[in-house]
Amino acid sequence: MAWADTPHGPGQPCMRPFPKATFQWVLDFILLNAYVLEGILEVFWEVEFTDEFGSWWGTLTPNEQDAIDASVRLLENRGPHLPFPFSSGISTSRHRQMRELRVQFRGEPYRVLYAFDPRRVAILLIGGNKTGDDRWYAHWVPAADVLYDTHLRELGLEG
């Protein structure tokens, strides 16, 4: 029988008071959902980076780092559900899960190539400013593929 078909279902007055334990459970449930709705209880996706990404990061100005950091925080919040225009797939990669963070800073397009590994952790592989470089993807996607292959081999050694 569905809850709605019972005498105390939705829209029907409840003739018995809730037991104290049930009332506390309902109150806890409501409060937990309020926290979730308010964004207080959030789920974050883990993000790691390669040494190559770290080296590139070190060449950026503080303002460039802030712009990239804002996109990485979006990735932490949304994970694989981060939509375009913040992220898009890389069709020329050997890895179907290869994606790019798309960052605009002072009118210049910065890109960070990343992928989610089998642990569902985002790995920032390499980044760059593709201003004026029509072959940016032709150069950096194969490099990112090699970095991701290396990362997967290292995970196999750890596991």
N, C-alpha and C. Protein backbone atom coordinates (compact mmCIF):
# COMPACT_ATOMS: atom_id res chain seq x y z
N MET A 1 0.85 -1.17 0.00
CA MET A 1 0.00 0.00 0.00
C MET A 1 0.89 1.24 0.00
N ALA A 2 0.56 2.21 -0.79
CA ALA A 2 1.31 3.45 -0.86
C ALA A 2 1.01 4.31 0.35
N TRP A 3 1.98 5.11 0.74
CA TRP A 3 1.81 6.01 1.88
C TRP A 3 0.59 6.90 1.70
N ALA A 4 0.34 7.34 0.48
CA ALA A 4 -0.79 8.24 0.21
C ALA A 4 -2.12 7.53 0.42
N ASP A 5 -2.16 6.19 0.38
CA ASP A 5 -3.40 5.45 0.55
C ASP A 5 -3.74 5.14 2.00
N THR A 6 -2.85 5.45 2.92
CA THR A 6 -3.10 5.15 4.32
C THR A 6 -3.89 6.28 4.95
N PRO A 7 -4.59 6.01 6.08
CA PRO A 7 -5.41 7.05 6.70
C PRO A 7 -4.60 8.25 7.21
N HIS A 8 -3.30 8.05 7.44
CA HIS A 8 -2.50 9.17 7.94
C HIS A 8 -1.49 9.63 6.88
N GLY A 9 -1.80 9.42 5.62
CA GLY A 9 -0.92 9.81 4.52
C GLY A 9 -0.96 11.30 4.27
N PRO A 10 -0.28 11.73 3.22
CA PRO A 10 -0.23 13.16 2.90
C PRO A 10 -1.63 13.74 2.74
N GLY A 11 -1.82 14.88 3.33
CA GLY A 11 -3.11 15.55 3.23
C GLY A 11 -4.11 15.10 4.27
N GLN A 12 -3.80 14.10 5.05
CA GLN A 12 -4.70 13.59 6.08
C GLN A 12 -4.14 13.95 7.46
N PRO A 13 -5.01 14.30 8.38
CA PRO A 13 -4.51 14.63 9.72
C PRO A 13 -3.99 13.37 10.41
N CYS A 14 -2.93 13.53 11.15
CA CYS A 14 -2.35 12.42 11.91
C CYS A 14 -3.05 12.39 13.26
N MET A 15 -3.61 11.25 13.59
CA MET A 15 -4.38 11.14 14.83
C MET A 15 -3.48 10.82 16.01
N ARG A 16 -2.26 10.31 15.75
CA ARG A 16 -1.36 9.95 16.84
C ARG A 16 -0.16 10.90 16.82
N PRO A 17 0.32 11.32 17.96
CA PRO A 17 1.53 12.13 17.97
C PRO A 17 2.75 11.25 17.61
N PHE A 18 3.77 11.87 17.03
CA PHE A 18 4.99 11.14 16.74
C PHE A 18 5.66 10.72 18.04
N PRO A 19 6.21 9.51 18.09
CA PRO A 19 7.05 9.18 19.25
C PRO A 19 8.25 10.13 19.28
N LYS A 20 8.80 10.36 20.47
CA LYS A 20 9.89 11.32 20.62
C LYS A 20 11.08 10.97 19.72
N ALA A 21 11.45 9.70 19.63
CA ALA A 21 12.59 9.29 18.81
C ALA A 21 12.32 9.60 17.34
N THR A 22 11.10 9.34 16.88
CA THR A 22 10.76 9.61 15.49
C THR A 22 10.79 11.11 15.22
N PHE A 23 10.26 11.90 16.16
CA PHE A 23 10.27 13.34 16.00
C PHE A 23 11.70 13.86 15.89
N GLN A 24 12.60 13.35 16.74
CA GLN A 24 14.00 13.78 16.68
C GLN A 24 14.62 13.40 15.35
N TRP A 25 14.31 12.21 14.84
CA TRP A 25 14.85 11.78 13.54
C TRP A 25 14.34 12.70 12.43
N VAL A 26 13.05 13.04 12.44
CA VAL A 26 12.49 13.93 11.43
C VAL A 26 13.14 15.31 11.52
N LEU A 27 13.32 15.81 12.73
CA LEU A 27 13.97 17.10 12.92
C LEU A 27 15.41 17.07 12.39
N ASP A 28 16.14 16.01 12.72
CA ASP A 28 17.52 15.87 12.22
C ASP A 28 17.54 15.82 10.70
N PHE A 29 16.61 15.10 10.11
CA PHE A 29 16.54 14.98 8.65
C PHE A 29 16.28 16.34 8.01
N ILE A 30 15.35 17.09 8.57
CA ILE A 30 15.04 18.42 8.04
C ILE A 30 16.24 19.34 8.16
N LEU A 31 16.91 19.33 9.31
CA LEU A 31 18.08 20.19 9.50
C LEU A 31 19.21 19.81 8.54
N LEU A 32 19.45 18.50 8.35
CA LEU A 32 20.49 18.06 7.44
C LEU A 32 20.19 18.54 6.02
N ASN A 33 18.95 18.40 5.60
CA ASN A 33 18.58 18.85 4.25
C ASN A 33 18.69 20.37 4.13
N ALA A 34 18.40 21.09 5.20
CA ALA A 34 18.57 22.54 5.16
C ALA A 34 20.03 22.90 4.95
N TYR A 35 20.93 22.17 5.62
CA TYR A 35 22.36 22.42 5.42
C TYR A 35 22.77 22.14 3.99
N VAL A 36 22.28 21.04 3.45
CA VAL A 36 22.63 20.69 2.07
C VAL A 36 22.12 21.77 1.12
N LEU A 37 20.88 22.20 1.31
CA LEU A 37 20.31 23.22 0.44
C LEU A 37 21.04 24.55 0.56
N GLU A 38 21.54 24.84 1.73
CA GLU A 38 22.25 26.09 1.94
C GLU A 38 23.68 26.02 1.44
N GLY A 39 24.12 24.84 1.05
CA GLY A 39 25.49 24.70 0.55
C GLY A 39 26.52 24.59 1.65
N ILE A 40 26.07 24.42 2.90
CA ILE A 40 27.02 24.29 3.99
C ILE A 40 27.70 22.93 3.93
N LEU A 41 26.94 21.91 3.60
CA LEU A 41 27.50 20.57 3.45
C LEU A 41 27.72 20.35 1.96
N GLU A 42 28.97 20.42 1.53
CA GLU A 42 29.28 20.31 0.11
C GLU A 42 30.18 19.10 -0.14
N VAL A 43 30.09 18.58 -1.34
CA VAL A 43 30.97 17.51 -1.77
C VAL A 43 32.00 18.11 -2.70
N PHE A 44 33.26 17.85 -2.41
CA PHE A 44 34.33 18.35 -3.25
C PHE A 44 35.02 17.19 -3.92
N TRP A 45 35.43 17.42 -5.16
CA TRP A 45 36.20 16.44 -5.91
C TRP A 45 37.67 16.72 -5.65
N GLU A 46 38.43 15.67 -5.43
CA GLU A 46 39.85 15.83 -5.19
C GLU A 46 40.55 16.18 -6.50
N VAL A 47 41.49 17.09 -6.42
CA VAL A 47 42.27 17.52 -7.59
C VAL A 47 43.75 17.41 -7.23
N GLU A 48 44.50 16.74 -8.11
CA GLU A 48 45.95 16.65 -7.98
C GLU A 48 46.58 17.21 -9.24
N PHE A 49 47.91 17.37 -9.24
CA PHE A 49 48.57 17.90 -10.43
C PHE A 49 49.93 17.24 -10.61
N THR A 50 50.39 17.27 -11.85
CA THR A 50 51.69 16.70 -12.19
C THR A 50 52.80 17.71 -11.89
N ASP A 51 54.03 17.22 -11.89
CA ASP A 51 55.17 18.12 -11.72
C ASP A 51 55.23 19.13 -12.86
N GLU A 52 54.87 18.68 -14.08
CA GLU A 52 54.89 19.57 -15.23
C GLU A 52 53.89 20.71 -15.07
N PHE A 53 52.70 20.39 -14.54
CA PHE A 53 51.73 21.45 -14.27
C PHE A 53 52.30 22.39 -13.22
N GLY A 54 52.88 21.84 -12.16
CA GLY A 54 53.45 22.66 -11.10
C GLY A 54 54.54 23.59 -11.61
N SER A 55 55.36 23.09 -12.53
CA SER A 55 56.41 23.94 -13.11
C SER A 55 55.80 25.09 -13.91
N TRP A 56 54.77 24.78 -14.70
CA TRP A 56 54.09 25.83 -15.47
C TRP A 56 53.45 26.85 -14.52
N TRP A 57 52.80 26.34 -13.47
CA TRP A 57 52.14 27.20 -12.49
C TRP A 57 53.13 28.22 -11.91
N GLY A 58 54.35 27.76 -11.67
CA GLY A 58 55.37 28.63 -11.10
C GLY A 58 55.79 29.77 -12.00
N THR A 59 55.50 29.67 -13.29
CA THR A 59 55.86 30.74 -14.23
C THR A 59 54.78 31.80 -14.35
N LEU A 60 53.62 31.55 -13.75
CA LEU A 60 52.48 32.47 -13.88
C LEU A 60 52.59 33.62 -12.89
N THR A 61 52.01 34.75 -13.26
CA THR A 61 51.92 35.88 -12.33
C THR A 61 50.84 35.56 -11.28
N PRO A 62 50.86 36.26 -10.16
CA PRO A 62 49.80 36.03 -9.16
C PRO A 62 48.38 36.21 -9.73
N ASN A 63 48.18 37.18 -10.60
CA ASN A 63 46.85 37.38 -11.19
C ASN A 63 46.46 36.24 -12.11
N GLU A 64 47.42 35.73 -12.88
CA GLU A 64 47.13 34.57 -13.72
C GLU A 64 46.81 33.35 -12.86
N GLN A 65 47.57 33.18 -11.78
CA GLN A 65 47.30 32.07 -10.87
C GLN A 65 45.91 32.17 -10.26
N ASP A 66 45.49 33.38 -9.91
CA ASP A 66 44.14 33.57 -9.36
C ASP A 66 43.07 33.15 -10.36
N ALA A 67 43.26 33.50 -11.63
CA ALA A 67 42.28 33.14 -12.66
C ALA A 67 42.22 31.62 -12.84
N ILE A 68 43.37 30.97 -12.88
CA ILE A 68 43.41 29.52 -13.02
C ILE A 68 42.81 28.87 -11.77
N ASP A 69 43.18 29.39 -10.60
CA ASP A 69 42.67 28.85 -9.34
C ASP A 69 41.14 28.89 -9.28
N ALA A 70 40.54 29.95 -9.79
CA ALA A 70 39.07 30.04 -9.79
C ALA A 70 38.47 28.90 -10.60
N SER A 71 39.08 28.56 -11.73
CA SER A 71 38.56 27.46 -12.55
C SER A 71 38.79 26.11 -11.88
N VAL A 72 39.93 25.96 -11.23
CA VAL A 72 40.20 24.70 -10.53
C VAL A 72 39.21 24.52 -9.38
N ARG A 73 38.85 25.61 -8.72
CA ARG A 73 37.85 25.51 -7.64
C ARG A 73 36.47 25.12 -8.19
N LEU A 74 36.15 25.61 -9.37
CA LEU A 74 34.91 25.15 -10.02
C LEU A 74 34.98 23.65 -10.28
N LEU A 75 36.13 23.18 -10.72
CA LEU A 75 36.31 21.75 -10.96
C LEU A 75 36.18 20.97 -9.66
N GLU A 76 36.72 21.48 -8.57
CA GLU A 76 36.57 20.83 -7.27
C GLU A 76 35.10 20.73 -6.88
N ASN A 77 34.33 21.76 -7.18
CA ASN A 77 32.92 21.78 -6.80
C ASN A 77 32.03 20.93 -7.71
N ARG A 78 32.29 20.95 -9.00
CA ARG A 78 31.40 20.29 -9.96
C ARG A 78 31.93 18.96 -10.48
N GLY A 79 33.22 18.73 -10.35
CA GLY A 79 33.82 17.47 -10.80
C GLY A 79 33.57 17.24 -12.28
N PRO A 80 33.26 16.00 -12.64
CA PRO A 80 33.07 15.69 -14.06
C PRO A 80 31.83 16.34 -14.66
N HIS A 81 31.04 17.01 -13.84
CA HIS A 81 29.82 17.67 -14.32
C HIS A 81 30.05 19.15 -14.64
N LEU A 82 31.30 19.58 -14.61
CA LEU A 82 31.60 20.98 -14.92
C LEU A 82 31.27 21.23 -16.39
N PRO A 83 30.35 22.15 -16.68
CA PRO A 83 29.86 22.32 -18.05
C PRO A 83 30.70 23.28 -18.90
N PHE A 84 30.44 23.25 -20.18
CA PHE A 84 30.95 24.26 -21.11
C PHE A 84 30.30 25.59 -20.72
N PRO A 85 30.97 26.67 -20.70
CA PRO A 85 32.25 26.99 -21.31
C PRO A 85 33.44 26.83 -20.38
N PHE A 86 33.24 26.30 -19.16
CA PHE A 86 34.33 26.17 -18.20
C PHE A 86 35.22 24.98 -18.52
N SER A 87 34.64 23.96 -19.14
CA SER A 87 35.37 22.73 -19.45
C SER A 87 34.81 22.15 -20.75
N SER A 88 35.66 21.47 -21.48
CA SER A 88 35.18 20.75 -22.67
C SER A 88 36.09 19.56 -22.93
N GLY A 89 35.56 18.61 -23.71
CA GLY A 89 36.30 17.40 -24.02
C GLY A 89 37.37 17.65 -25.06
N ILE A 90 38.36 16.79 -25.07
CA ILE A 90 39.46 16.86 -26.03
C ILE A 90 39.34 15.63 -26.94
N SER A 91 38.86 15.83 -28.15
CA SER A 91 38.58 14.72 -29.05
C SER A 91 39.85 14.12 -29.66
N THR A 92 40.97 14.85 -29.66
CA THR A 92 42.19 14.35 -30.29
C THR A 92 43.06 13.53 -29.34
N SER A 93 42.63 13.39 -28.09
CA SER A 93 43.40 12.61 -27.12
C SER A 93 43.16 11.11 -27.30
N ARG A 94 44.14 10.32 -26.90
CA ARG A 94 43.95 8.87 -26.86
C ARG A 94 43.05 8.45 -25.71
N HIS A 95 42.86 9.34 -24.77
CA HIS A 95 42.06 9.04 -23.57
C HIS A 95 40.73 9.76 -23.66
N ARG A 96 39.65 8.98 -23.66
CA ARG A 96 38.33 9.58 -23.85
C ARG A 96 37.94 10.51 -22.71
N GLN A 97 38.56 10.35 -21.54
CA GLN A 97 38.21 11.21 -20.40
C GLN A 97 39.05 12.49 -20.35
N MET A 98 39.92 12.71 -21.34
CA MET A 98 40.74 13.94 -21.35
C MET A 98 39.83 15.15 -21.61
N ARG A 99 40.06 16.18 -20.79
CA ARG A 99 39.26 17.40 -20.88
C ARG A 99 40.19 18.60 -20.72
N GLU A 100 39.62 19.78 -20.91
CA GLU A 100 40.38 21.01 -20.71
C GLU A 100 39.56 21.97 -19.86
N LEU A 101 40.25 22.64 -18.94
CA LEU A 101 39.68 23.80 -18.27
C LEU A 101 39.92 24.98 -19.20
N ARG A 102 38.88 25.75 -19.42
CA ARG A 102 38.94 26.90 -20.34
C ARG A 102 38.91 28.17 -19.50
N VAL A 103 40.02 28.88 -19.48
CA VAL A 103 40.15 30.07 -18.65
C VAL A 103 40.44 31.26 -19.55
N GLN A 104 39.72 32.33 -19.36
CA GLN A 104 40.00 33.60 -20.05
C GLN A 104 40.57 34.55 -19.01
N PHE A 105 41.73 35.11 -19.32
CA PHE A 105 42.33 36.09 -18.42
C PHE A 105 42.82 37.26 -19.25
N ARG A 106 42.24 38.42 -19.01
CA ARG A 106 42.58 39.64 -19.74
C ARG A 106 42.54 39.42 -21.25
N GLY A 107 41.51 38.70 -21.69
CA GLY A 107 41.29 38.48 -23.11
C GLY A 107 42.14 37.39 -23.73
N GLU A 108 42.92 36.69 -22.93
CA GLU A 108 43.78 35.63 -23.45
C GLU A 108 43.27 34.27 -23.00
N PRO A 109 43.29 33.28 -23.91
CA PRO A 109 42.78 31.95 -23.56
C PRO A 109 43.87 31.06 -22.94
N TYR A 110 43.67 30.70 -21.69
CA TYR A 110 44.53 29.75 -21.01
C TYR A 110 43.80 28.41 -21.00
N ARG A 111 44.55 27.33 -21.11
CA ARG A 111 43.97 26.00 -21.09
C ARG A 111 44.75 25.13 -20.11
N VAL A 112 44.02 24.28 -19.40
CA VAL A 112 44.62 23.28 -18.53
C VAL A 112 44.05 21.94 -18.95
N LEU A 113 44.91 21.04 -19.40
CA LEU A 113 44.47 19.70 -19.79
C LEU A 113 44.44 18.83 -18.54
N TYR A 114 43.33 18.08 -18.37
CA TYR A 114 43.16 17.26 -17.17
C TYR A 114 42.32 16.04 -17.51
N ALA A 115 42.34 15.07 -16.60
CA ALA A 115 41.51 13.87 -16.75
C ALA A 115 41.20 13.34 -15.35
N PHE A 116 40.10 12.62 -15.25
CA PHE A 116 39.77 11.93 -14.00
C PHE A 116 40.36 10.53 -14.10
N ASP A 117 41.11 10.14 -13.08
CA ASP A 117 41.74 8.83 -13.09
C ASP A 117 40.78 7.77 -12.53
N PRO A 118 41.18 6.50 -12.47
CA PRO A 118 40.27 5.45 -11.97
C PRO A 118 39.80 5.67 -10.54
N ARG A 119 40.53 6.47 -9.77
CA ARG A 119 40.09 6.78 -8.39
C ARG A 119 39.06 7.90 -8.36
N ARG A 120 38.74 8.45 -9.54
CA ARG A 120 37.83 9.59 -9.70
C ARG A 120 38.44 10.86 -9.11
N VAL A 121 39.75 10.99 -9.25
CA VAL A 121 40.49 12.18 -8.85
C VAL A 121 40.89 12.91 -10.13
N ALA A 122 40.68 14.22 -10.16
CA ALA A 122 41.08 15.01 -11.32
C ALA A 122 42.59 15.24 -11.26
N ILE A 123 43.27 14.98 -12.37
CA ILE A 123 44.71 15.18 -12.47
C ILE A 123 44.96 16.32 -13.45
N LEU A 124 45.49 17.43 -12.96
CA LEU A 124 45.85 18.55 -13.83
C LEU A 124 47.19 18.18 -14.47
N LEU A 125 47.19 17.98 -15.78
CA LEU A 125 48.36 17.45 -16.46
C LEU A 125 49.34 18.52 -16.92
N ILE A 126 48.83 19.51 -17.64
CA ILE A 126 49.68 20.56 -18.19
C ILE A 126 48.80 21.76 -18.52
N GLY A 127 49.36 22.92 -18.53
CA GLY A 127 48.60 24.11 -18.88
C GLY A 127 49.39 25.02 -19.79
N GLY A 128 48.71 25.99 -20.34
CA GLY A 128 49.39 26.95 -21.19
C GLY A 128 48.46 28.03 -21.69
N ASN A 129 49.08 29.06 -22.24
CA ASN A 129 48.36 30.16 -22.86
C ASN A 129 48.42 29.91 -24.36
N LYS A 130 47.26 29.74 -24.98
CA LYS A 130 47.27 29.38 -26.39
C LYS A 130 47.11 30.58 -27.32
N THR A 131 47.30 31.79 -26.81
CA THR A 131 47.20 32.99 -27.63
C THR A 131 48.17 32.91 -28.81
N GLY A 132 47.64 33.03 -30.02
CA GLY A 132 48.45 33.06 -31.22
C GLY A 132 49.08 31.74 -31.62
N ASP A 133 48.74 30.66 -30.94
CA ASP A 133 49.34 29.35 -31.24
C ASP A 133 48.27 28.44 -31.83
N ASP A 134 48.18 28.39 -33.15
CA ASP A 134 47.18 27.56 -33.82
C ASP A 134 47.45 26.08 -33.64
N ARG A 135 48.65 25.72 -33.22
CA ARG A 135 49.00 24.30 -33.06
C ARG A 135 49.12 23.92 -31.57
N TRP A 136 48.52 24.72 -30.69
CA TRP A 136 48.63 24.45 -29.26
C TRP A 136 48.17 23.04 -28.93
N TYR A 137 47.00 22.64 -29.42
CA TYR A 137 46.47 21.30 -29.14
C TYR A 137 47.34 20.22 -29.77
N ALA A 138 47.82 20.44 -30.99
CA ALA A 138 48.66 19.45 -31.67
C ALA A 138 49.94 19.19 -30.88
N HIS A 139 50.42 20.21 -30.18
CA HIS A 139 51.65 20.05 -29.39
C HIS A 139 51.36 19.48 -28.00
N TRP A 140 50.37 20.04 -27.31
CA TRP A 140 50.19 19.74 -25.89
C TRP A 140 49.30 18.54 -25.59
N VAL A 141 48.37 18.18 -26.45
CA VAL A 141 47.53 17.00 -26.18
C VAL A 141 48.36 15.72 -26.17
N PRO A 142 49.26 15.49 -27.14
CA PRO A 142 50.12 14.30 -27.04
C PRO A 142 50.99 14.31 -25.77
N ALA A 143 51.47 15.48 -25.38
CA ALA A 143 52.25 15.57 -24.14
C ALA A 143 51.38 15.20 -22.94
N ALA A 144 50.14 15.67 -22.92
CA ALA A 144 49.22 15.33 -21.83
C ALA A 144 48.90 13.84 -21.83
N ASP A 145 48.76 13.25 -23.01
CA ASP A 145 48.53 11.80 -23.10
C ASP A 145 49.67 11.03 -22.43
N VAL A 146 50.90 11.43 -22.71
CA VAL A 146 52.07 10.76 -22.10
C VAL A 146 52.06 10.96 -20.59
N LEU A 147 51.76 12.16 -20.12
CA LEU A 147 51.70 12.42 -18.68
C LEU A 147 50.62 11.58 -18.01
N TYR A 148 49.48 11.44 -18.67
CA TYR A 148 48.39 10.64 -18.10
C TYR A 148 48.76 9.15 -18.09
N ASP A 149 49.40 8.68 -19.17
CA ASP A 149 49.87 7.29 -19.20
C ASP A 149 50.83 7.02 -18.04
N THR A 150 51.75 7.95 -17.80
CA THR A 150 52.70 7.82 -16.70
C THR A 150 51.97 7.79 -15.36
N HIS A 151 51.00 8.66 -15.21
CA HIS A 151 50.21 8.71 -13.98
C HIS A 151 49.50 7.37 -13.74
N LEU A 152 48.90 6.82 -14.79
CA LEU A 152 48.19 5.54 -14.64
C LEU A 152 49.16 4.42 -14.27
N ARG A 153 50.36 4.41 -14.85
CA ARG A 153 51.36 3.40 -14.49
C ARG A 153 51.75 3.54 -13.02
N GLU A 154 51.94 4.77 -12.56
CA GLU A 154 52.29 5.01 -11.16
C GLU A 154 51.18 4.54 -10.23
N LEU A 155 49.93 4.74 -10.63
CA LEU A 155 48.81 4.25 -9.81
C LEU A 155 48.85 2.73 -9.72
N GLY A 156 49.19 2.08 -10.83
CA GLY A 156 49.29 0.62 -10.83
C GLY A 156 50.36 0.13 -9.88
N LEU A 157 51.45 0.87 -9.77
CA LEU A 157 52.53 0.49 -8.85
C LEU A 157 52.11 0.69 -7.41
N GLU A 158 51.32 1.73 -7.15
CA GLU A 158 50.86 2.00 -5.78
C GLU A 158 49.83 0.98 -5.32
N GLY A 159 48.94 0.59 -6.27
CA GLY A 159 47.81 -0.27 -5.94
C GLY A 159 48.23 -1.65 -5.63
